[in-house]
N, C-alpha and C. Protein backbone atom coordinates (compact mmCIF):
# COMPACT_ATOMS: atom_id res chain seq x y z
N MET A 1 -3.24 8.36 5.20
CA MET A 1 -3.92 7.45 4.87
C MET A 1 -2.89 6.11 4.48
N MET A 2 -4.13 4.87 5.39
CA MET A 2 -4.16 3.94 4.84
C MET A 2 -4.75 3.12 4.11
N ALA A 3 -3.75 2.39 3.17
CA ALA A 3 -4.47 1.11 2.10
C ALA A 3 -5.36 0.42 2.70
N PRO A 4 -6.22 0.20 1.75
CA PRO A 4 -7.57 -0.57 1.89
C PRO A 4 -6.27 -2.12 1.90
N THR A 5 -7.28 -2.97 2.43
CA THR A 5 -6.91 -4.20 1.59
C THR A 5 -7.71 -4.61 0.72
N LEU A 6 -7.48 -5.56 -0.07
CA LEU A 6 -8.18 -6.15 -1.40
C LEU A 6 -7.91 -7.59 -1.39
N GLU A 7 -8.55 -8.24 -2.20
CA GLU A 7 -8.56 -9.98 -2.42
C GLU A 7 -9.40 -10.10 -3.35
N THR A 8 -8.63 -11.18 -3.98
CA THR A 8 -8.85 -11.95 -5.09
C THR A 8 -8.65 -13.40 -4.88
N PRO A 9 -8.68 -14.55 -5.36
CA PRO A 9 -8.72 -16.15 -5.17
C PRO A 9 -7.59 -16.17 -4.71
N ARG A 10 -6.81 -15.92 -5.20
CA ARG A 10 -4.78 -16.07 -5.04
C ARG A 10 -4.37 -15.22 -4.43
N LEU A 11 -4.55 -14.09 -4.25
CA LEU A 11 -3.91 -12.47 -4.02
C LEU A 11 -4.27 -11.48 -3.04
N ILE A 12 -3.71 -11.12 -2.38
CA ILE A 12 -3.96 -9.93 -1.02
C ILE A 12 -3.23 -9.23 -1.63
N LEU A 13 -3.86 -7.48 -2.27
CA LEU A 13 -3.12 -6.44 -2.51
C LEU A 13 -3.20 -4.98 -1.25
N ARG A 14 -2.18 -5.40 -0.61
CA ARG A 14 -2.29 -4.44 0.63
C ARG A 14 -1.32 -3.15 0.94
N MET A 15 -1.09 -2.79 1.72
CA MET A 15 0.63 -1.69 2.16
C MET A 15 1.43 -2.22 1.88
N MET A 16 2.10 -1.80 0.77
CA MET A 16 4.15 -2.19 1.20
C MET A 16 4.08 -1.98 3.23
N GLU A 17 4.99 -3.49 3.14
CA GLU A 17 5.36 -3.21 4.38
C GLU A 17 7.08 -3.59 4.80
N PRO A 18 7.77 -2.67 5.33
CA PRO A 18 8.80 -3.20 6.05
C PRO A 18 9.48 -4.63 5.35
N ASP A 19 8.88 -5.74 5.70
CA ASP A 19 8.81 -7.08 4.99
C ASP A 19 9.54 -7.19 3.71
N ASP A 20 8.60 -6.45 3.34
CA ASP A 20 8.49 -6.58 1.35
C ASP A 20 9.90 -6.01 1.23
N TRP A 21 11.01 -4.92 1.80
CA TRP A 21 11.74 -4.31 1.47
C TRP A 21 13.39 -5.54 0.95
N PRO A 22 13.25 -6.94 1.21
CA PRO A 22 14.25 -7.65 0.83
C PRO A 22 14.15 -7.73 -1.13
N ASN A 23 12.79 -8.56 -0.93
CA ASN A 23 11.95 -9.23 -1.92
C ASN A 23 12.25 -7.88 -3.57
N TYR A 24 11.55 -6.52 -2.71
CA TYR A 24 11.88 -5.20 -3.45
C TYR A 24 13.49 -4.84 -3.99
N ALA A 25 14.11 -4.75 -3.19
CA ALA A 25 15.84 -4.44 -2.83
C ALA A 25 16.11 -5.24 -4.23
N ASP A 26 15.72 -6.79 -4.16
CA ASP A 26 16.58 -7.46 -4.51
C ASP A 26 16.33 -7.35 -6.47
N TYR A 27 15.12 -7.25 -6.49
CA TYR A 27 14.06 -6.55 -7.92
C TYR A 27 14.75 -5.53 -8.15
N TYR A 28 14.49 -4.64 -7.94
CA TYR A 28 15.07 -2.83 -8.26
C TYR A 28 16.88 -2.89 -8.30
N THR A 29 17.37 -4.06 -7.49
CA THR A 29 19.32 -3.97 -7.47
C THR A 29 19.88 -4.67 -8.96
N SER A 30 18.43 -5.57 -9.72
CA SER A 30 18.55 -6.08 -11.12
C SER A 30 18.11 -5.95 -12.17
N GLU A 31 18.94 -6.18 -12.90
CA GLU A 31 18.91 -6.19 -14.49
C GLU A 31 17.67 -6.72 -14.73
N ARG A 32 16.64 -7.13 -13.96
CA ARG A 32 15.26 -7.72 -13.38
C ARG A 32 14.57 -6.28 -14.18
N SER A 33 15.22 -4.88 -13.62
CA SER A 33 13.88 -3.95 -13.57
C SER A 33 14.60 -3.05 -14.81
N ALA A 34 15.16 -3.85 -15.20
CA ALA A 34 15.82 -2.45 -16.67
C ALA A 34 14.50 -1.94 -17.62
N SER A 35 13.44 -2.52 -17.53
CA SER A 35 12.25 -2.00 -18.60
C SER A 35 11.47 -0.63 -17.51
N VAL A 36 12.42 -0.36 -16.02
CA VAL A 36 11.57 0.76 -15.45
C VAL A 36 12.68 1.52 -14.81
N GLY A 37 13.52 1.66 -15.83
CA GLY A 37 15.28 2.58 -14.83
C GLY A 37 15.38 2.35 -14.19
N GLY A 38 15.54 1.01 -14.08
CA GLY A 38 16.04 -0.13 -13.06
C GLY A 38 17.76 -0.23 -14.10
N PRO A 39 18.67 -1.07 -13.49
CA PRO A 39 19.34 -1.50 -11.47
C PRO A 39 19.44 0.22 -11.35
N LYS A 40 19.31 -0.29 -9.76
CA LYS A 40 19.28 1.37 -9.41
C LYS A 40 20.57 1.12 -7.73
N SER A 41 21.16 1.53 -7.42
CA SER A 41 21.84 1.39 -6.03
C SER A 41 20.94 1.05 -5.24
N ARG A 42 20.86 -0.07 -3.91
CA ARG A 42 20.73 -0.21 -2.94
C ARG A 42 19.80 1.32 -1.90
N SER A 43 20.45 2.27 -2.34
CA SER A 43 20.70 3.15 -1.16
C SER A 43 19.07 4.07 -2.36
N GLN A 44 19.54 4.02 -3.32
CA GLN A 44 18.23 4.99 -4.61
C GLN A 44 16.98 3.94 -4.37
N THR A 45 16.79 2.56 -4.35
CA THR A 45 16.10 1.69 -4.42
C THR A 45 15.80 1.78 -2.96
N TRP A 46 16.42 1.74 -1.50
CA TRP A 46 15.47 2.35 -0.64
C TRP A 46 14.41 3.63 -0.63
N GLN A 47 15.37 4.90 -0.98
CA GLN A 47 14.24 5.75 -1.19
C GLN A 47 13.29 5.56 -2.17
N GLN A 48 12.67 4.55 -3.31
CA GLN A 48 12.09 4.74 -3.97
C GLN A 48 10.90 3.46 -3.42
N PHE A 49 11.55 2.96 -2.25
CA PHE A 49 10.84 1.84 -1.47
C PHE A 49 9.63 2.80 -0.65
N ALA A 50 10.56 3.40 0.12
CA ALA A 50 9.92 4.91 1.27
C ALA A 50 8.79 5.34 0.45
N SER A 51 8.88 5.47 -0.90
CA SER A 51 8.16 6.60 -1.50
C SER A 51 7.05 5.68 -1.75
N PHE A 52 6.59 4.58 -1.83
CA PHE A 52 5.28 3.66 -1.90
C PHE A 52 4.41 4.53 -0.39
N TRP A 53 4.64 4.95 0.56
CA TRP A 53 3.81 5.29 2.20
C TRP A 53 3.59 7.42 1.56
N GLY A 54 5.11 7.53 0.82
CA GLY A 54 4.75 8.73 0.48
C GLY A 54 3.70 9.01 -0.39
N HIS A 55 3.30 8.39 -1.25
CA HIS A 55 2.55 8.71 -2.58
C HIS A 55 1.03 8.23 -1.50
N TRP A 56 0.95 7.34 -0.97
CA TRP A 56 -0.60 7.40 -0.67
C TRP A 56 -0.80 8.10 0.51
N ALA A 57 -0.18 8.74 1.00
CA ALA A 57 0.33 10.27 1.96
C ALA A 57 -0.47 11.24 1.41
N ILE A 58 0.33 11.62 0.29
CA ILE A 58 -0.18 12.60 -0.70
C ILE A 58 -1.45 12.79 -1.48
N HIS A 59 -2.09 11.58 -2.04
CA HIS A 59 -2.90 11.45 -2.58
C HIS A 59 -3.78 10.75 -2.47
N GLY A 60 -3.69 9.41 -1.20
CA GLY A 60 -4.79 8.93 -0.93
C GLY A 60 -5.18 7.66 -1.44
N PHE A 61 -4.29 7.79 -2.19
CA PHE A 61 -4.24 6.00 -3.10
C PHE A 61 -2.62 6.28 -3.54
N GLY A 62 -2.42 5.11 -4.31
CA GLY A 62 -1.24 4.50 -4.27
C GLY A 62 -0.74 3.04 -4.57
N ARG A 63 0.13 2.29 -4.98
CA ARG A 63 1.00 1.22 -5.39
C ARG A 63 0.16 -0.42 -4.17
N PHE A 64 -0.12 -0.99 -4.56
CA PHE A 64 -0.51 -2.37 -3.07
C PHE A 64 0.95 -3.11 -3.34
N ALA A 65 1.46 -3.76 -2.31
CA ALA A 65 2.34 -5.21 -2.44
C ALA A 65 1.71 -6.04 -3.33
N VAL A 66 1.47 -7.01 -3.86
CA VAL A 66 0.64 -7.95 -4.22
C VAL A 66 1.83 -9.29 -3.15
N VAL A 67 0.64 -9.69 -2.86
CA VAL A 67 1.53 -11.10 -1.66
C VAL A 67 0.26 -12.32 -2.10
N GLU A 68 1.13 -13.25 -2.67
CA GLU A 68 0.42 -14.92 -2.47
C GLU A 68 -0.34 -15.19 -1.55
N ARG A 69 -1.01 -15.61 -1.51
CA ARG A 69 -2.40 -15.86 -0.73
C ARG A 69 -1.40 -17.10 0.39
N ASP A 70 -0.90 -18.33 -0.86
CA ASP A 70 -0.65 -19.48 -0.25
C ASP A 70 0.62 -19.46 0.54
N THR A 71 2.15 -18.15 0.04
CA THR A 71 2.76 -18.25 0.56
C THR A 71 3.15 -17.17 1.41
N ALA A 72 2.29 -16.10 1.71
CA ALA A 72 2.20 -14.56 2.08
C ALA A 72 3.56 -14.26 1.76
N GLN A 73 3.86 -14.05 0.67
CA GLN A 73 5.36 -13.79 0.12
C GLN A 73 4.88 -12.37 -0.70
N SER A 74 5.79 -11.37 -0.76
CA SER A 74 5.33 -10.60 -2.03
C SER A 74 6.20 -10.94 -2.93
N VAL A 75 5.17 -10.92 -4.37
CA VAL A 75 5.81 -10.56 -5.08
C VAL A 75 5.83 -9.63 -6.06
N GLY A 76 5.70 -8.28 -6.07
CA GLY A 76 4.91 -7.52 -6.94
C GLY A 76 4.71 -6.58 -6.14
N HIS A 77 4.28 -5.53 -7.14
CA HIS A 77 3.42 -4.19 -6.56
C HIS A 77 2.64 -3.40 -7.98
N VAL A 78 1.19 -3.65 -7.77
CA VAL A 78 0.15 -2.98 -9.03
C VAL A 78 -0.83 -1.97 -7.87
N GLY A 79 -0.78 -0.59 -9.07
CA GLY A 79 -1.70 0.07 -7.95
C GLY A 79 -1.71 1.06 -9.55
N PRO A 80 -2.74 2.66 -9.07
CA PRO A 80 -2.21 3.81 -9.16
C PRO A 80 -1.27 4.34 -8.87
N TYR A 81 -0.54 5.20 -9.84
CA TYR A 81 1.01 5.77 -9.81
C TYR A 81 0.41 7.60 -10.18
N HIS A 82 0.75 8.68 -9.56
CA HIS A 82 0.43 9.86 -10.07
C HIS A 82 1.64 10.62 -9.59
N PRO A 83 3.15 10.75 -10.06
CA PRO A 83 4.30 11.24 -9.81
C PRO A 83 3.64 12.57 -10.50
N GLU A 84 4.58 13.64 -9.74
CA GLU A 84 4.84 15.09 -10.17
C GLU A 84 5.35 14.87 -11.83
N GLY A 85 4.94 15.36 -12.47
CA GLY A 85 4.74 15.41 -13.77
C GLY A 85 4.65 14.24 -15.22
N TYR A 86 3.38 13.87 -14.20
CA TYR A 86 2.24 12.95 -15.39
C TYR A 86 1.41 13.71 -14.67
N ASP A 87 0.72 13.88 -16.73
CA ASP A 87 -0.62 14.24 -16.74
C ASP A 87 -1.85 13.96 -16.27
N GLU A 88 -1.66 11.78 -15.55
CA GLU A 88 -2.20 11.59 -15.09
C GLU A 88 -2.43 10.51 -14.99
N PRO A 89 -3.10 10.26 -13.33
CA PRO A 89 -2.53 8.83 -12.83
C PRO A 89 -2.40 7.87 -13.39
N GLU A 90 -1.86 6.56 -13.77
CA GLU A 90 -1.00 5.73 -14.59
C GLU A 90 -1.30 4.32 -13.41
N LEU A 91 -1.65 3.34 -14.05
CA LEU A 91 -2.43 1.94 -13.50
C LEU A 91 -0.68 1.17 -13.90
N SER A 92 -0.20 1.14 -12.63
CA SER A 92 0.64 0.27 -12.67
C SER A 92 1.56 -0.80 -12.17
N TRP A 93 2.21 -1.85 -12.64
CA TRP A 93 2.39 -3.22 -12.23
C TRP A 93 3.72 -3.72 -12.24
N THR A 94 4.39 -4.86 -11.48
CA THR A 94 5.63 -4.99 -12.06
C THR A 94 5.55 -6.45 -10.86
N LEU A 95 5.82 -6.86 -11.47
CA LEU A 95 6.62 -8.87 -10.51
C LEU A 95 8.02 -8.46 -10.33
N TRP A 96 8.33 -9.18 -9.20
CA TRP A 96 9.76 -8.87 -8.95
C TRP A 96 10.74 -10.11 -9.15
N THR A 97 9.98 -11.33 -9.35
CA THR A 97 10.57 -12.37 -9.54
C THR A 97 10.22 -13.25 -10.74
N ASN A 98 10.95 -13.91 -11.77
CA ASN A 98 11.38 -14.68 -12.91
C ASN A 98 9.97 -16.08 -11.71
N THR A 99 9.71 -16.21 -10.96
CA THR A 99 8.49 -17.56 -10.60
C THR A 99 7.22 -16.88 -10.57
N ALA A 100 7.35 -15.58 -10.49
CA ALA A 100 5.78 -15.11 -10.15
C ALA A 100 5.31 -14.73 -11.88
N GLU A 101 6.07 -15.09 -12.78
CA GLU A 101 5.41 -14.49 -14.25
C GLU A 101 4.85 -16.35 -14.88
N GLY A 102 4.10 -15.91 -15.66
CA GLY A 102 3.51 -16.83 -16.53
C GLY A 102 2.30 -17.28 -15.57
N ARG A 103 1.70 -17.27 -14.69
CA ARG A 103 0.63 -17.86 -13.73
C ARG A 103 -0.68 -16.57 -14.13
N GLY A 104 -0.77 -15.78 -14.34
CA GLY A 104 -1.88 -14.97 -14.81
C GLY A 104 -1.51 -13.63 -13.45
N LEU A 105 -0.76 -14.08 -12.76
CA LEU A 105 -0.71 -13.13 -11.09
C LEU A 105 -0.95 -12.08 -11.31
N ALA A 106 0.04 -11.04 -12.40
CA ALA A 106 -0.27 -9.57 -13.00
C ALA A 106 -1.95 -9.03 -13.42
N TYR A 107 -2.07 -9.89 -13.56
CA TYR A 107 -3.58 -9.78 -14.81
C TYR A 107 -4.10 -10.24 -13.55
N GLU A 108 -4.39 -10.76 -12.43
CA GLU A 108 -5.46 -10.95 -11.23
C GLU A 108 -5.21 -9.84 -10.40
N ALA A 109 -4.11 -9.18 -9.74
CA ALA A 109 -3.11 -7.89 -9.60
C ALA A 109 -3.98 -6.71 -10.56
N ALA A 110 -3.84 -6.56 -11.53
CA ALA A 110 -4.27 -5.37 -12.09
C ALA A 110 -5.90 -4.95 -12.61
N THR A 111 -6.03 -6.13 -12.40
CA THR A 111 -8.01 -5.98 -12.56
C THR A 111 -8.15 -5.74 -11.73
N ALA A 112 -7.93 -6.19 -10.56
CA ALA A 112 -8.59 -5.20 -9.08
C ALA A 112 -8.26 -4.38 -8.31
N ALA A 113 -7.40 -3.93 -8.56
CA ALA A 113 -6.93 -2.50 -8.05
C ALA A 113 -7.17 -1.34 -9.84
N ARG A 114 -7.44 -1.88 -11.01
CA ARG A 114 -8.17 -1.01 -11.66
C ARG A 114 -9.62 -1.24 -11.50
N ASP A 115 -10.06 -2.12 -10.81
CA ASP A 115 -11.91 -1.87 -10.29
C ASP A 115 -11.28 -1.29 -9.05
N TRP A 116 -10.61 -1.81 -8.19
CA TRP A 116 -10.20 -0.19 -6.36
C TRP A 116 -10.26 1.02 -7.49
N CYS A 117 -9.99 1.41 -8.34
CA CYS A 117 -9.89 2.15 -8.75
C CYS A 117 -11.34 3.34 -9.56
N TYR A 118 -11.89 2.53 -10.31
CA TYR A 118 -13.06 2.32 -10.49
C TYR A 118 -14.14 3.14 -9.69
N SER A 119 -13.87 1.84 -9.05
CA SER A 119 -15.34 1.71 -7.41
C SER A 119 -15.29 3.07 -6.62
N ALA A 120 -13.69 2.86 -5.77
CA ALA A 120 -12.82 3.86 -4.43
C ALA A 120 -13.13 5.14 -4.62
N LEU A 121 -12.17 5.01 -6.14
CA LEU A 121 -11.73 6.63 -6.60
C LEU A 121 -13.19 6.99 -7.16
N GLY A 122 -13.65 6.71 -8.09
CA GLY A 122 -14.50 7.07 -8.60
C GLY A 122 -14.51 7.49 -10.36
N TRP A 123 -12.91 7.44 -10.36
CA TRP A 123 -12.08 7.16 -11.93
C TRP A 123 -12.89 6.73 -13.29
N THR A 124 -12.98 7.29 -14.34
CA THR A 124 -13.60 6.82 -15.43
C THR A 124 -13.01 6.74 -16.53
N THR A 125 -11.79 6.20 -15.97
CA THR A 125 -10.50 6.36 -16.99
C THR A 125 -8.85 6.24 -16.66
N LEU A 126 -7.73 5.35 -16.83
CA LEU A 126 -6.89 5.01 -16.71
C LEU A 126 -5.69 4.72 -17.52
N THR A 127 -4.89 5.32 -18.01
CA THR A 127 -3.42 4.83 -18.57
C THR A 127 -1.97 3.86 -17.88
N SER A 128 -1.80 3.30 -18.62
CA SER A 128 -0.54 2.33 -18.27
C SER A 128 0.77 3.38 -19.47
N LEU A 129 1.98 3.41 -18.58
CA LEU A 129 2.76 3.73 -19.44
C LEU A 129 3.91 2.16 -19.70
N ILE A 130 4.73 1.94 -20.83
CA ILE A 130 5.01 0.82 -20.98
C ILE A 130 5.89 1.22 -21.77
N ASP A 131 7.42 0.96 -21.26
CA ASP A 131 8.73 0.71 -22.01
C ASP A 131 8.23 -0.13 -23.44
N PRO A 132 8.23 -0.12 -25.10
CA PRO A 132 7.94 -0.18 -26.20
C PRO A 132 8.42 -2.07 -26.18
N ALA A 133 10.04 -2.24 -25.10
CA ALA A 133 10.45 -3.50 -25.43
C ALA A 133 9.82 -4.26 -24.74
N ASN A 134 8.62 -4.19 -23.77
CA ASN A 134 8.35 -4.59 -22.59
C ASN A 134 7.55 -5.87 -23.24
N ASP A 135 7.92 -6.84 -23.38
CA ASP A 135 6.76 -7.46 -24.38
C ASP A 135 5.72 -8.04 -23.08
N ARG A 136 6.13 -8.23 -22.22
CA ARG A 136 5.07 -9.15 -21.01
C ARG A 136 4.04 -8.16 -20.99
N SER A 137 4.64 -6.91 -20.34
CA SER A 137 3.44 -5.93 -20.31
C SER A 137 2.46 -5.24 -21.41
N ILE A 138 3.23 -5.41 -22.42
CA ILE A 138 2.60 -4.99 -23.28
C ILE A 138 1.40 -6.12 -23.66
N ALA A 139 1.40 -7.14 -23.48
CA ALA A 139 0.32 -8.24 -23.65
C ALA A 139 -0.56 -8.55 -22.20
N LEU A 140 0.11 -7.94 -21.24
CA LEU A 140 -0.70 -7.36 -20.24
C LEU A 140 -1.69 -6.70 -20.34
N ALA A 141 -1.14 -5.57 -21.07
CA ALA A 141 -1.91 -4.30 -21.22
C ALA A 141 -3.33 -5.01 -22.13
N GLY A 142 -2.65 -5.75 -22.91
CA GLY A 142 -3.88 -6.46 -24.02
C GLY A 142 -5.30 -6.77 -23.36
N ARG A 143 -4.16 -7.86 -23.07
CA ARG A 143 -5.19 -8.53 -21.95
C ARG A 143 -6.26 -7.45 -21.12
N LEU A 144 -5.81 -6.88 -20.81
CA LEU A 144 -6.52 -5.67 -19.54
C LEU A 144 -7.90 -4.99 -20.76
N GLY A 145 -7.28 -4.63 -21.80
CA GLY A 145 -8.61 -4.06 -23.29
C GLY A 145 -7.67 -2.25 -23.46
N ALA A 146 -6.44 -2.64 -22.77
CA ALA A 146 -6.00 -1.49 -23.33
C ALA A 146 -5.24 -1.42 -24.41
N ALA A 147 -4.95 -0.14 -25.21
CA ALA A 147 -4.91 -0.15 -26.43
C ALA A 147 -3.77 1.17 -25.99
N VAL A 148 -3.07 1.66 -27.42
CA VAL A 148 -1.98 2.55 -27.00
C VAL A 148 -2.93 3.42 -28.12
N GLU A 149 -2.16 4.58 -27.02
CA GLU A 149 -3.17 5.69 -27.90
C GLU A 149 -2.00 6.85 -28.30
N ARG A 150 -0.39 6.56 -27.84
CA ARG A 150 0.46 7.66 -28.30
C ARG A 150 1.47 7.27 -28.08
N ARG A 151 2.88 7.78 -28.79
CA ARG A 151 4.03 7.69 -28.25
C ARG A 151 4.33 8.74 -27.03
N ILE A 152 5.00 8.50 -26.16
CA ILE A 152 5.04 10.14 -25.32
C ILE A 152 6.77 10.09 -24.54
N GLU A 153 7.30 11.12 -24.29
CA GLU A 153 8.46 11.52 -23.80
C GLU A 153 8.91 11.54 -22.11
N LEU A 154 9.17 11.20 -21.49
CA LEU A 154 8.92 11.30 -19.69
C LEU A 154 10.16 10.89 -19.31
N GLU A 155 10.70 11.97 -18.39
CA GLU A 155 11.90 11.75 -18.21
C GLU A 155 13.11 10.56 -19.28
N GLY A 156 13.63 11.24 -19.83
CA GLY A 156 14.44 10.93 -21.44
C GLY A 156 13.97 9.69 -21.75
N TYR A 157 13.18 8.83 -20.93
CA TYR A 157 12.33 7.30 -21.76
C TYR A 157 11.26 7.93 -22.68
N GLN A 158 11.04 7.01 -23.61
CA GLN A 158 10.38 6.58 -24.43
C GLN A 158 9.45 5.05 -24.43
N LEU A 159 7.83 5.70 -24.16
CA LEU A 159 7.19 4.55 -23.38
C LEU A 159 5.56 5.33 -24.48
N ASP A 160 5.11 4.18 -24.46
CA ASP A 160 3.76 4.15 -24.99
C ASP A 160 3.14 4.16 -24.08
N LEU A 161 1.91 5.32 -24.06
CA LEU A 161 0.79 4.93 -23.75
C LEU A 161 -0.63 4.70 -23.97
N TYR A 162 -1.06 3.62 -22.76
CA TYR A 162 -1.87 2.41 -23.17
C TYR A 162 -3.10 3.12 -22.45
N ARG A 163 -4.25 3.67 -23.20
CA ARG A 163 -5.68 4.00 -22.52
C ARG A 163 -6.61 2.36 -21.95
N HIS A 164 -6.81 2.23 -20.57
CA HIS A 164 -7.49 1.44 -20.22
C HIS A 164 -9.30 1.64 -20.51
N PRO A 165 -9.96 0.43 -20.73
CA PRO A 165 -11.63 0.61 -20.72
C PRO A 165 -12.09 1.22 -19.54
N GLY A 166 -12.85 2.06 -20.20
CA GLY A 166 -13.83 2.71 -18.92
C GLY A 166 -14.33 1.50 -17.61
N PRO A 167 -15.03 2.19 -16.88
CA PRO A 167 -15.70 0.82 -15.46
C PRO A 167 -16.98 0.66 -16.22
N ASP A 168 -17.48 1.48 -17.53
CA ASP A 168 -18.04 0.75 -18.26
C ASP A 168 -18.75 -0.74 -19.65
N ALA A 169 -17.10 -0.38 -19.70
CA ALA A 169 -16.86 -1.22 -20.80
C ALA A 169 -16.93 -3.26 -20.71
């Protein structure tokens, strides 16, 4: 399945493309990725990058590349994620560079992706799993109206499970 393209005032959310690899690799092989299981080797990062397409093929949904409309540069990824071992889908978000932070891009992207999950997929709830030390993601979850439901252990990590308000909230 091909991902739809979602548009916001400043962003285009689309299927990951091969040209996104250098930006993704720079992010995931750096210390910046520590709160999401990184840094990883380039080989491990490549496997993870390729899994974006596999997730869409298996589930019919997945994460989108976050592309700034003005520059056409990919700066992150956002969207529903449901790998083996997760009890339910997660709305995940990641900005790949420091320069993308602090401008409301993650909020804009996550809002559009969540709205798409509720309208196109018919979902009524979503979670986000956040490292308790990831202050920026915790702040974004709060801005999105999500609240901590409980702490879980997943693959050796302690994470807080945030529950998003439903589409009618």
